[in-house]
């Protein structure tokens, strides 16, 4: 019976690792986007908001 729980634990650990990796990846993308927009001028930001591509 312990084999089942060992396997269940391994699966849960692998899922947790995959989720944590995805969260880290998304956080990195958001940091990059934030930095990109922080470096833009107000005029550039306004042009992006007014364009159809923003939403």
C-alpha atoms as a PDB file:
ATOM      1  CA  UNK A   1       0.000   0.000   0.000  1.00  0.00           C
ATOM      2  CA  UNK A   2       2.916   2.358   0.604  1.00  0.00           C
ATOM      3  CA  UNK A   3       3.813   2.034  -3.098  1.00  0.00           C
ATOM      4  CA  UNK A   4       0.550   3.749  -3.970  1.00  0.00           C
ATOM      5  CA  UNK A   5       1.213   6.661  -1.609  1.00  0.00           C
ATOM      6  CA  UNK A   6       4.797   6.986  -2.808  1.00  0.00           C
ATOM      7  CA  UNK A   7       3.582   7.177  -6.402  1.00  0.00           C
ATOM      8  CA  UNK A   8       0.800   9.618  -5.477  1.00  0.00           C
ATOM      9  CA  UNK A   9       3.341  11.816  -3.707  1.00  0.00           C
ATOM     10  CA  UNK A  10       5.666  11.738  -6.735  1.00  0.00           C
ATOM     11  CA  UNK A  11       2.828  12.737  -9.061  1.00  0.00           C
ATOM     12  CA  UNK A  12       1.768  15.577  -6.765  1.00  0.00           C
ATOM     13  CA  UNK A  13       5.361  16.761  -6.462  1.00  0.00           C
ATOM     14  CA  UNK A  14       5.797  16.734 -10.250  1.00  0.00           C
ATOM     15  CA  UNK A  15       2.565  18.661 -10.760  1.00  0.00           C
ATOM     16  CA  UNK A  16       3.633  21.198  -8.129  1.00  0.00           C
ATOM     17  CA  UNK A  17       7.015  21.606  -9.805  1.00  0.00           C
ATOM     18  CA  UNK A  18       5.375  22.146 -13.212  1.00  0.00           C
ATOM     19  CA  UNK A  19       2.942  24.708 -11.793  1.00  0.00           C
ATOM     20  CA  UNK A  20       5.740  26.573 -10.012  1.00  0.00           C
ATOM     21  CA  UNK A  21       7.768  26.635 -13.215  1.00  0.00           C
ATOM     22  CA  UNK A  22       4.828  28.052 -15.170  1.00  0.00           C
ATOM     23  CA  UNK A  23       4.222  30.712 -12.522  1.00  0.00           C
ATOM     24  CA  UNK A  24       7.879  31.716 -12.641  1.00  0.00           C
ATOM     25  CA  UNK A  25       7.792  31.895 -16.435  1.00  0.00           C
ATOM     26  CA  UNK A  26       4.680  34.083 -16.396  1.00  0.00           C
ATOM     27  CA  UNK A  27       6.177  36.343 -13.727  1.00  0.00           C
ATOM     28  CA  UNK A  28       9.292  36.799 -15.863  1.00  0.00           C
ATOM     29  CA  UNK A  29       7.172  37.724 -18.886  1.00  0.00           C
ATOM     30  CA  UNK A  30       5.234  40.267 -16.826  1.00  0.00           C
ATOM     31  CA  UNK A  31       8.474  41.802 -15.527  1.00  0.00           C
ATOM     32  CA  UNK A  32       9.757  42.153 -19.091  1.00  0.00           C
ATOM     33  CA  UNK A  33       6.528  43.791 -20.264  1.00  0.00           C
ATOM     34  CA  UNK A  34       6.511  46.139 -17.273  1.00  0.00           C
ATOM     35  CA  UNK A  35      10.113  47.170 -17.932  1.00  0.00           C
ATOM     36  CA  UNK A  36       9.374  47.717 -21.637  1.00  0.00           C
ATOM     37  CA  UNK A  37       6.448  50.039 -20.858  1.00  0.00           C
ATOM     38  CA  UNK A  38       8.334  51.885 -18.116  1.00  0.00           C
ATOM     39  CA  UNK A  39      11.004  52.800 -20.670  1.00  0.00           C
ATOM     40  CA  UNK A  40       8.466  54.280 -23.110  1.00  0.00           C
ATOM     41  CA  UNK A  41       7.536  57.936 -23.224  1.00  0.00           C
ATOM     42  CA  UNK A  42       4.043  59.154 -22.397  1.00  0.00           C
ATOM     43  CA  UNK A  43       3.406  59.823 -26.092  1.00  0.00           C
ATOM     44  CA  UNK A  44       4.362  56.252 -27.012  1.00  0.00           C
ATOM     45  CA  UNK A  45       2.109  54.859 -24.298  1.00  0.00           C
ATOM     46  CA  UNK A  46      -0.813  57.024 -25.410  1.00  0.00           C
ATOM     47  CA  UNK A  47      -0.321  55.883 -29.005  1.00  0.00           C
ATOM     48  CA  UNK A  48      -0.460  52.236 -27.862  1.00  0.00           C
ATOM     49  CA  UNK A  49      -3.622  52.807 -25.828  1.00  0.00           C
ATOM     50  CA  UNK A  50      -5.349  54.617 -28.704  1.00  0.00           C
ATOM     51  CA  UNK A  51      -4.430  51.949 -31.245  1.00  0.00           C
ATOM     52  CA  UNK A  52      -6.644  48.950 -31.856  1.00  0.00           C
ATOM     53  CA  UNK A  53      -3.834  46.606 -30.819  1.00  0.00           C
ATOM     54  CA  UNK A  54      -3.956  47.474 -27.108  1.00  0.00           C
ATOM     55  CA  UNK A  55      -7.010  45.434 -26.205  1.00  0.00           C
END
